[in-house]
PDB file of all heavy atoms in Angstrom:
ATOM      1  N   PHE A   1     -16.907 -31.675  78.949  1.00  0.00           N
ATOM      2  CA  PHE A   1     -18.084 -30.875  79.185  1.00  0.00           C
ATOM      3  C   PHE A   1     -17.737 -29.406  79.327  1.00  0.00           C
ATOM      4  O   PHE A   1     -16.636 -29.049  79.703  1.00  0.00           O
ATOM      5  CB  PHE A   1     -18.815 -31.374  80.422  1.00  0.00           C
ATOM      6  CG  PHE A   1     -19.551 -32.665  80.236  1.00  0.00           C
ATOM      7  CD1 PHE A   1     -18.932 -33.875  80.466  1.00  0.00           C
ATOM      8  CD2 PHE A   1     -20.880 -32.694  79.815  1.00  0.00           C
ATOM      9  CE1 PHE A   1     -19.600 -35.049  80.282  1.00  0.00           C
ATOM     10  CE2 PHE A   1     -21.560 -33.850  79.643  1.00  0.00           C
ATOM     11  CZ  PHE A   1     -20.903 -35.080  79.863  1.00  0.00           C
ATOM     12  N   PHE A   2     -18.734 -28.577  79.042  1.00  0.00           N
ATOM     13  CA  PHE A   2     -18.683 -27.117  79.298  1.00  0.00           C
ATOM     14  C   PHE A   2     -19.956 -26.720  80.001  1.00  0.00           C
ATOM     15  O   PHE A   2     -21.015 -27.289  79.759  1.00  0.00           O
ATOM     16  CB  PHE A   2     -18.607 -26.327  77.964  1.00  0.00           C
ATOM     17  CG  PHE A   2     -17.419 -26.717  77.108  1.00  0.00           C
ATOM     18  CD1 PHE A   2     -17.580 -27.720  76.140  1.00  0.00           C
ATOM     19  CD2 PHE A   2     -16.222 -26.075  77.208  1.00  0.00           C
ATOM     20  CE1 PHE A   2     -16.545 -28.063  75.315  1.00  0.00           C
ATOM     21  CE2 PHE A   2     -15.157 -26.448  76.343  1.00  0.00           C
ATOM     22  CZ  PHE A   2     -15.313 -27.451  75.460  1.00  0.00           C
ATOM     23  N   PRO A   3     -19.918 -25.675  80.882  1.00  0.00           N
ATOM     24  CA  PRO A   3     -18.768 -24.965  81.336  1.00  0.00           C
ATOM     25  C   PRO A   3     -18.013 -25.650  82.436  1.00  0.00           C
ATOM     26  O   PRO A   3     -18.367 -26.816  82.802  1.00  0.00           O
ATOM     27  CB  PRO A   3     -19.395 -23.640  81.902  1.00  0.00           C
ATOM     28  CG  PRO A   3     -20.725 -24.080  82.382  1.00  0.00           C
ATOM     29  CD  PRO A   3     -21.173 -25.149  81.450  1.00  0.00           C
ATOM     30  N   ALA A   4     -17.012 -25.038  82.994  1.00  0.00           N
ATOM     31  CA  ALA A   4     -16.216 -25.610  84.051  1.00  0.00           C
ATOM     32  C   ALA A   4     -16.970 -25.614  85.392  1.00  0.00           C
ATOM     33  O   ALA A   4     -17.865 -24.769  85.614  1.00  0.00           O
ATOM     34  CB  ALA A   4     -14.913 -24.848  84.236  1.00  0.00           C
ATOM     35  N   PRO A   5     -16.690 -26.580  86.266  1.00  0.00           N
ATOM     36  CA  PRO A   5     -17.299 -26.561  87.586  1.00  0.00           C
ATOM     37  C   PRO A   5     -16.987 -25.271  88.325  1.00  0.00           C
ATOM     38  O   PRO A   5     -15.935 -24.671  88.033  1.00  0.00           O
ATOM     39  CB  PRO A   5     -16.646 -27.770  88.286  1.00  0.00           C
ATOM     40  CG  PRO A   5     -16.167 -28.670  87.166  1.00  0.00           C
ATOM     41  CD  PRO A   5     -15.785 -27.708  86.073  1.00  0.00           C
ATOM     42  N   PRO A   6     -17.782 -24.791  89.222  1.00  0.00           N
ATOM     43  CA  PRO A   6     -18.966 -25.459  89.825  1.00  0.00           C
ATOM     44  C   PRO A   6     -20.266 -25.314  88.998  1.00  0.00           C
ATOM     45  O   PRO A   6     -21.299 -25.812  89.479  1.00  0.00           O
ATOM     46  CB  PRO A   6     -19.092 -24.799  91.180  1.00  0.00           C
ATOM     47  CG  PRO A   6     -18.660 -23.395  90.933  1.00  0.00           C
ATOM     48  CD  PRO A   6     -17.539 -23.508  89.923  1.00  0.00           C
ATOM     49  N   ASP A   7     -20.230 -24.623  87.880  1.00  0.00           N
ATOM     50  CA  ASP A   7     -21.445 -24.472  87.081  1.00  0.00           C
ATOM     51  C   ASP A   7     -21.879 -25.854  86.554  1.00  0.00           C
ATOM     52  O   ASP A   7     -21.047 -26.671  86.221  1.00  0.00           O
ATOM     53  CB  ASP A   7     -21.219 -23.504  85.924  1.00  0.00           C
ATOM     54  CG  ASP A   7     -20.964 -22.092  86.403  1.00  0.00           C
ATOM     55  OD1 ASP A   7     -21.611 -21.660  87.361  1.00  0.00           O
ATOM     56  OD2 ASP A   7     -20.059 -21.425  85.844  1.00  0.00           O
ATOM     57  N   PRO A   8     -23.170 -26.060  86.435  1.00  0.00           N
ATOM     58  CA  PRO A   8     -23.616 -27.359  85.917  1.00  0.00           C
ATOM     59  C   PRO A   8     -23.259 -27.523  84.419  1.00  0.00           C
ATOM     60  O   PRO A   8     -23.383 -26.569  83.652  1.00  0.00           O
ATOM     61  CB  PRO A   8     -25.143 -27.312  86.099  1.00  0.00           C
ATOM     62  CG  PRO A   8     -25.463 -25.820  86.140  1.00  0.00           C
ATOM     63  CD  PRO A   8     -24.300 -25.207  86.797  1.00  0.00           C
ATOM     64  N   PRO A   9     -22.776 -28.682  84.052  1.00  0.00           N
ATOM     65  CA  PRO A   9     -22.426 -28.916  82.614  1.00  0.00           C
ATOM     66  C   PRO A   9     -23.660 -28.912  81.738  1.00  0.00           C
ATOM     67  O   PRO A   9     -24.649 -29.554  82.051  1.00  0.00           O
ATOM     68  CB  PRO A   9     -21.765 -30.312  82.672  1.00  0.00           C
ATOM     69  CG  PRO A   9     -22.161 -30.930  83.908  1.00  0.00           C
ATOM     70  CD  PRO A   9     -22.514 -29.843  84.875  1.00  0.00           C
ATOM     71  N   ARG A  10     -23.569 -28.198  80.626  1.00  0.00           N
ATOM     72  CA  ARG A  10     -24.672 -28.104  79.692  1.00  0.00           C
ATOM     73  C   ARG A  10     -24.317 -28.526  78.287  1.00  0.00           C
ATOM     74  O   ARG A  10     -25.203 -28.815  77.434  1.00  0.00           O
ATOM     75  CB  ARG A  10     -25.233 -26.653  79.626  1.00  0.00           C
ATOM     76  CG  ARG A  10     -25.779 -26.154  80.969  1.00  0.00           C
ATOM     77  CD  ARG A  10     -26.869 -27.048  81.556  1.00  0.00           C
ATOM     78  NE  ARG A  10     -27.913 -27.349  80.628  1.00  0.00           N
ATOM     79  CZ  ARG A  10     -29.021 -26.568  80.460  1.00  0.00           C
ATOM     80  NH1 ARG A  10     -29.127 -25.454  81.124  1.00  0.00           N
ATOM     81  NH2 ARG A  10     -29.972 -26.939  79.632  1.00  0.00           N
ATOM     82  N   VAL A  11     -23.050 -28.529  77.936  1.00  0.00           N
ATOM     83  CA  VAL A  11     -22.572 -28.878  76.611  1.00  0.00           C
ATOM     84  C   VAL A  11     -21.528 -29.986  76.667  1.00  0.00           C
ATOM     85  O   VAL A  11     -20.571 -29.864  77.399  1.00  0.00           O
ATOM     86  CB  VAL A  11     -21.960 -27.646  75.834  1.00  0.00           C
ATOM     87  CG1 VAL A  11     -21.453 -28.062  74.490  1.00  0.00           C
ATOM     88  CG2 VAL A  11     -23.030 -26.560  75.722  1.00  0.00           C
ATOM     89  N   GLN A  12     -21.769 -31.098  75.985  1.00  0.00           N
ATOM     90  CA  GLN A  12     -20.807 -32.187  75.937  1.00  0.00           C
ATOM     91  C   GLN A  12     -20.220 -32.321  74.537  1.00  0.00           C
ATOM     92  O   GLN A  12     -20.956 -32.306  73.550  1.00  0.00           O
ATOM     93  CB  GLN A  12     -21.428 -33.522  76.281  1.00  0.00           C
ATOM     94  CG  GLN A  12     -20.391 -34.668  76.251  1.00  0.00           C
ATOM     95  CD  GLN A  12     -21.025 -36.067  76.369  1.00  0.00           C
ATOM     96  OE1 GLN A  12     -22.169 -36.199  76.680  1.00  0.00           O
ATOM     97  NE2 GLN A  12     -20.195 -37.087  76.048  1.00  0.00           N
ATOM     98  N   PHE A  13     -18.899 -32.288  74.442  1.00  0.00           N
ATOM     99  CA  PHE A  13     -18.245 -32.597  73.167  1.00  0.00           C
ATOM    100  C   PHE A  13     -18.396 -34.113  72.863  1.00  0.00           C
ATOM    101  O   PHE A  13     -18.127 -34.936  73.749  1.00  0.00           O
ATOM    102  CB  PHE A  13     -16.784 -32.240  73.188  1.00  0.00           C
ATOM    103  CG  PHE A  13     -16.015 -32.769  71.949  1.00  0.00           C
ATOM    104  CD1 PHE A  13     -16.214 -32.238  70.720  1.00  0.00           C
ATOM    105  CD2 PHE A  13     -15.111 -33.823  72.104  1.00  0.00           C
ATOM    106  CE1 PHE A  13     -15.557 -32.732  69.601  1.00  0.00           C
ATOM    107  CE2 PHE A  13     -14.447 -34.334  71.033  1.00  0.00           C
ATOM    108  CZ  PHE A  13     -14.679 -33.797  69.751  1.00  0.00           C
ATOM    109  N   LEU A  14     -18.820 -34.465  71.636  1.00  0.00           N
ATOM    110  CA  LEU A  14     -19.083 -35.834  71.301  1.00  0.00           C
ATOM    111  C   LEU A  14     -18.025 -36.438  70.418  1.00  0.00           C
ATOM    112  O   LEU A  14     -17.436 -37.476  70.722  1.00  0.00           O
ATOM    113  CB  LEU A  14     -20.466 -35.978  70.654  1.00  0.00           C
ATOM    114  CG  LEU A  14     -21.679 -35.472  71.433  1.00  0.00           C
ATOM    115  CD1 LEU A  14     -22.936 -35.712  70.643  1.00  0.00           C
ATOM    116  CD2 LEU A  14     -21.756 -36.094  72.816  1.00  0.00           C
ATOM    117  N   THR A  15     -17.817 -35.883  69.238  1.00  0.00           N
ATOM    118  CA  THR A  15     -16.943 -36.463  68.218  1.00  0.00           C
ATOM    119  C   THR A  15     -16.613 -35.428  67.218  1.00  0.00           C
ATOM    120  O   THR A  15     -17.020 -34.236  67.297  1.00  0.00           O
ATOM    121  CB  THR A  15     -17.580 -37.671  67.590  1.00  0.00           C
ATOM    122  OG1 THR A  15     -16.641 -38.351  66.762  1.00  0.00           O
ATOM    123  CG2 THR A  15     -18.777 -37.303  66.808  1.00  0.00           C
ATOM    124  N   TRP A  16     -15.844 -35.820  66.182  1.00  0.00           N
ATOM    125  CA  TRP A  16     -15.463 -34.905  65.112  1.00  0.00           C
ATOM    126  C   TRP A  16     -15.299 -35.719  63.818  1.00  0.00           C
ATOM    127  O   TRP A  16     -15.144 -36.948  63.849  1.00  0.00           O
ATOM    128  CB  TRP A  16     -14.196 -34.166  65.425  1.00  0.00           C
ATOM    129  CG  TRP A  16     -12.976 -35.051  65.654  1.00  0.00           C
ATOM    130  CD1 TRP A  16     -12.586 -35.601  66.795  1.00  0.00           C
ATOM    131  CD2 TRP A  16     -12.051 -35.485  64.640  1.00  0.00           C
ATOM    132  NE1 TRP A  16     -11.487 -36.384  66.588  1.00  0.00           N
ATOM    133  CE2 TRP A  16     -11.119 -36.321  65.255  1.00  0.00           C
ATOM    134  CE3 TRP A  16     -11.919 -35.242  63.255  1.00  0.00           C
ATOM    135  CZ2 TRP A  16     -10.068 -36.918  64.557  1.00  0.00           C
ATOM    136  CZ3 TRP A  16     -10.882 -35.861  62.568  1.00  0.00           C
ATOM    137  CH2 TRP A  16      -9.965 -36.663  63.232  1.00  0.00           C
ATOM    138  N   ALA A  17     -15.283 -35.013  62.693  1.00  0.00           N
ATOM    139  CA  ALA A  17     -15.051 -35.618  61.397  1.00  0.00           C
ATOM    140  C   ALA A  17     -14.501 -34.581  60.442  1.00  0.00           C
ATOM    141  O   ALA A  17     -14.878 -33.408  60.524  1.00  0.00           O
ATOM    142  CB  ALA A  17     -16.272 -36.251  60.870  1.00  0.00           C
ATOM    143  N   SER A  18     -13.625 -35.037  59.550  1.00  0.00           N
ATOM    144  CA  SER A  18     -13.091 -34.158  58.501  1.00  0.00           C
ATOM    145  C   SER A  18     -13.242 -34.762  57.108  1.00  0.00           C
ATOM    146  O   SER A  18     -12.926 -34.129  56.137  1.00  0.00           O
ATOM    147  CB  SER A  18     -11.646 -33.818  58.769  1.00  0.00           C
ATOM    148  OG  SER A  18     -11.516 -33.056  59.959  1.00  0.00           O
ATOM    149  N   GLY A  19     -13.658 -36.069  57.070  1.00  0.00           N
ATOM    150  CA  GLY A  19     -13.757 -36.699  55.783  1.00  0.00           C
ATOM    151  C   GLY A  19     -14.114 -38.171  55.907  1.00  0.00           C
ATOM    152  O   GLY A  19     -14.634 -38.634  56.925  1.00  0.00           O
ATOM    153  N   ALA A  20     -13.737 -38.954  54.874  1.00  0.00           N
ATOM    154  CA  ALA A  20     -14.110 -40.330  54.812  1.00  0.00           C
ATOM    155  C   ALA A  20     -13.465 -41.193  55.898  1.00  0.00           C
ATOM    156  O   ALA A  20     -14.065 -42.162  56.350  1.00  0.00           O
ATOM    157  CB  ALA A  20     -13.735 -40.914  53.418  1.00  0.00           C
ATOM    158  N   ASP A  21     -12.252 -40.855  56.285  1.00  0.00           N
ATOM    159  CA  ASP A  21     -11.540 -41.690  57.276  1.00  0.00           C
ATOM    160  C   ASP A  21     -12.341 -41.850  58.554  1.00  0.00           C
ATOM    161  O   ASP A  21     -12.454 -42.940  59.126  1.00  0.00           O
ATOM    162  CB  ASP A  21     -10.172 -41.094  57.576  1.00  0.00           C
ATOM    163  CG  ASP A  21      -9.132 -41.538  56.581  1.00  0.00           C
ATOM    164  OD1 ASP A  21      -9.391 -42.523  55.839  1.00  0.00           O
ATOM    165  OD2 ASP A  21      -8.039 -40.952  56.541  1.00  0.00           O
ATOM    166  N   GLU A  22     -12.837 -40.740  59.098  1.00  0.00           N
ATOM    167  CA  GLU A  22     -13.603 -40.791  60.351  1.00  0.00           C
ATOM    168  C   GLU A  22     -14.939 -41.522  60.216  1.00  0.00           C
ATOM    169  O   GLU A  22     -15.378 -42.202  61.164  1.00  0.00           O
ATOM    170  CB  GLU A  22     -13.830 -39.366  60.903  1.00  0.00           C
ATOM    171  CG  GLU A  22     -12.563 -38.647  61.334  1.00  0.00           C
ATOM    172  CD  GLU A  22     -11.810 -38.050  60.143  1.00  0.00           C
ATOM    173  OE1 GLU A  22     -12.480 -37.544  59.187  1.00  0.00           O
ATOM    174  OE2 GLU A  22     -10.569 -38.128  60.124  1.00  0.00           O
ATOM    175  N   LEU A  23     -15.529 -41.391  59.049  1.00  0.00           N
ATOM    176  CA  LEU A  23     -16.826 -42.041  58.849  1.00  0.00           C
ATOM    177  C   LEU A  23     -16.702 -43.532  58.546  1.00  0.00           C
ATOM    178  O   LEU A  23     -17.461 -44.370  59.051  1.00  0.00           O
ATOM    179  CB  LEU A  23     -17.551 -41.380  57.693  1.00  0.00           C
ATOM    180  CG  LEU A  23     -18.028 -39.925  57.957  1.00  0.00           C
ATOM    181  CD1 LEU A  23     -18.515 -39.315  56.663  1.00  0.00           C
ATOM    182  CD2 LEU A  23     -19.108 -39.889  58.975  1.00  0.00           C
ATOM    183  N   GLU A  24     -15.700 -43.891  57.751  1.00  0.00           N
ATOM    184  CA  GLU A  24     -15.593 -45.259  57.240  1.00  0.00           C
ATOM    185  C   GLU A  24     -14.645 -46.129  58.089  1.00  0.00           C
ATOM    186  O   GLU A  24     -14.467 -47.280  57.882  1.00  0.00           O
ATOM    187  CB  GLU A  24     -15.127 -45.255  55.769  1.00  0.00           C
ATOM    188  CG  GLU A  24     -16.101 -44.496  54.878  1.00  0.00           C
ATOM    189  CD  GLU A  24     -15.561 -44.323  53.453  1.00  0.00           C
ATOM    190  OE1 GLU A  24     -14.442 -44.882  53.145  1.00  0.00           O
ATOM    191  OE2 GLU A  24     -16.224 -43.665  52.644  1.00  0.00           O
ATOM    192  N   GLY A  25     -13.955 -45.472  59.067  1.00  0.00           N
ATOM    193  CA  GLY A  25     -13.075 -46.236  59.958  1.00  0.00           C
ATOM    194  C   GLY A  25     -11.900 -46.837  59.221  1.00  0.00           C
ATOM    195  O   GLY A  25     -11.601 -48.013  59.351  1.00  0.00           O
ATOM    196  N   GLY A  26     -11.166 -45.980  58.450  1.00  0.00           N
ATOM    197  CA  GLY A  26      -9.997 -46.484  57.720  1.00  0.00           C
ATOM    198  C   GLY A  26      -8.976 -47.055  58.663  1.00  0.00           C
ATOM    199  O   GLY A  26      -8.771 -46.610  59.776  1.00  0.00           O
ATOM    200  N   ARG A  27      -8.277 -48.110  58.187  1.00  0.00           N
ATOM    201  CA  ARG A  27      -7.340 -48.818  59.022  1.00  0.00           C
ATOM    202  C   ARG A  27      -5.982 -48.210  59.098  1.00  0.00           C
ATOM    203  O   ARG A  27      -5.161 -48.562  59.925  1.00  0.00           O
ATOM    204  CB  ARG A  27      -7.229 -50.292  58.528  1.00  0.00           C
ATOM    205  CG  ARG A  27      -8.444 -51.089  58.761  1.00  0.00           C
ATOM    206  CD  ARG A  27      -8.152 -52.549  58.559  1.00  0.00           C
ATOM    207  NE  ARG A  27      -7.888 -52.906  57.170  1.00  0.00           N
ATOM    208  CZ  ARG A  27      -8.800 -53.378  56.356  1.00  0.00           C
ATOM    209  NH1 ARG A  27     -10.018 -53.517  56.738  1.00  0.00           N
ATOM    210  NH2 ARG A  27      -8.459 -53.683  55.132  1.00  0.00           N
ATOM    211  N   GLY A  28      -5.654 -47.287  58.227  1.00  0.00           N
ATOM    212  CA  GLY A  28      -4.359 -46.593  58.309  1.00  0.00           C
ATOM    213  C   GLY A  28      -3.289 -47.205  57.431  1.00  0.00           C
ATOM    214  O   GLY A  28      -3.444 -48.325  56.873  1.00  0.00           O
ATOM    215  N   SER A  29      -2.164 -46.552  57.358  1.00  0.00           N
ATOM    216  CA  SER A  29      -1.102 -46.928  56.423  1.00  0.00           C
ATOM    217  C   SER A  29      -0.459 -48.253  56.836  1.00  0.00           C
ATOM    218  O   SER A  29      -0.047 -49.050  55.994  1.00  0.00           O
ATOM    219  CB  SER A  29      -0.054 -45.827  56.308  1.00  0.00           C
ATOM    220  OG  SER A  29       0.453 -45.515  57.560  1.00  0.00           O
ATOM    221  N   PHE A  30      -0.284 -48.487  58.107  1.00  0.00           N
ATOM    222  CA  PHE A  30       0.386 -49.714  58.584  1.00  0.00           C
ATOM    223  C   PHE A  30      -0.461 -50.965  58.191  1.00  0.00           C
ATOM    224  O   PHE A  30       0.077 -51.941  57.718  1.00  0.00           O
ATOM    225  CB  PHE A  30       0.617 -49.692  60.080  1.00  0.00           C
ATOM    226  CG  PHE A  30       1.336 -50.906  60.591  1.00  0.00           C
ATOM    227  CD1 PHE A  30       2.652 -51.147  60.229  1.00  0.00           C
ATOM    228  CD2 PHE A  30       0.692 -51.841  61.390  1.00  0.00           C
ATOM    229  CE1 PHE A  30       3.312 -52.274  60.692  1.00  0.00           C
ATOM    230  CE2 PHE A  30       1.339 -52.946  61.823  1.00  0.00           C
ATOM    231  CZ  PHE A  30       2.655 -53.179  61.486  1.00  0.00           C
ATOM    232  N   ALA A  31      -1.769 -50.871  58.436  1.00  0.00           N
ATOM    233  CA  ALA A  31      -2.634 -51.986  58.030  1.00  0.00           C
ATOM    234  C   ALA A  31      -2.577 -52.227  56.536  1.00  0.00           C
ATOM    235  O   ALA A  31      -2.568 -53.341  56.075  1.00  0.00           O
ATOM    236  CB  ALA A  31      -4.059 -51.722  58.478  1.00  0.00           C
ATOM    237  N   THR A  32      -2.534 -51.131  55.769  1.00  0.00           N
ATOM    238  CA  THR A  32      -2.428 -51.274  54.333  1.00  0.00           C
ATOM    239  C   THR A  32      -1.137 -51.986  53.905  1.00  0.00           C
ATOM    240  O   THR A  32      -1.149 -52.848  53.061  1.00  0.00           O
ATOM    241  CB  THR A  32      -2.457 -49.867  53.682  1.00  0.00           C
ATOM    242  OG1 THR A  32      -3.706 -49.229  54.024  1.00  0.00           O
ATOM    243  CG2 THR A  32      -2.378 -49.987  52.161  1.00  0.00           C
ATOM    244  N   PHE A  33      -0.030 -51.682  54.600  1.00  0.00           N
ATOM    245  CA  PHE A  33       1.221 -52.323  54.338  1.00  0.00           C
ATOM    246  C   PHE A  33       1.215 -53.794  54.688  1.00  0.00           C
ATOM    247  O   PHE A  33       1.606 -54.698  53.886  1.00  0.00           O
ATOM    248  CB  PHE A  33       2.337 -51.614  55.092  1.00  0.00           C
ATOM    249  CG  PHE A  33       3.639 -52.386  55.141  1.00  0.00           C
ATOM    250  CD1 PHE A  33       4.469 -52.449  53.992  1.00  0.00           C
ATOM    251  CD2 PHE A  33       4.046 -53.081  56.287  1.00  0.00           C
ATOM    252  CE1 PHE A  33       5.634 -53.165  54.044  1.00  0.00           C
ATOM    253  CE2 PHE A  33       5.214 -53.814  56.275  1.00  0.00           C
ATOM    254  CZ  PHE A  33       6.033 -53.837  55.162  1.00  0.00           C
TER     255      PHE A  33
END
């Protein structure tokens, strides 16, 4: 959360994405192997 205490939190970080992996939940190279 932002800002830091003692101010009341107003912004929460939720998640991020850069491409198909984050959206489609790719299993990664080990699972592929």
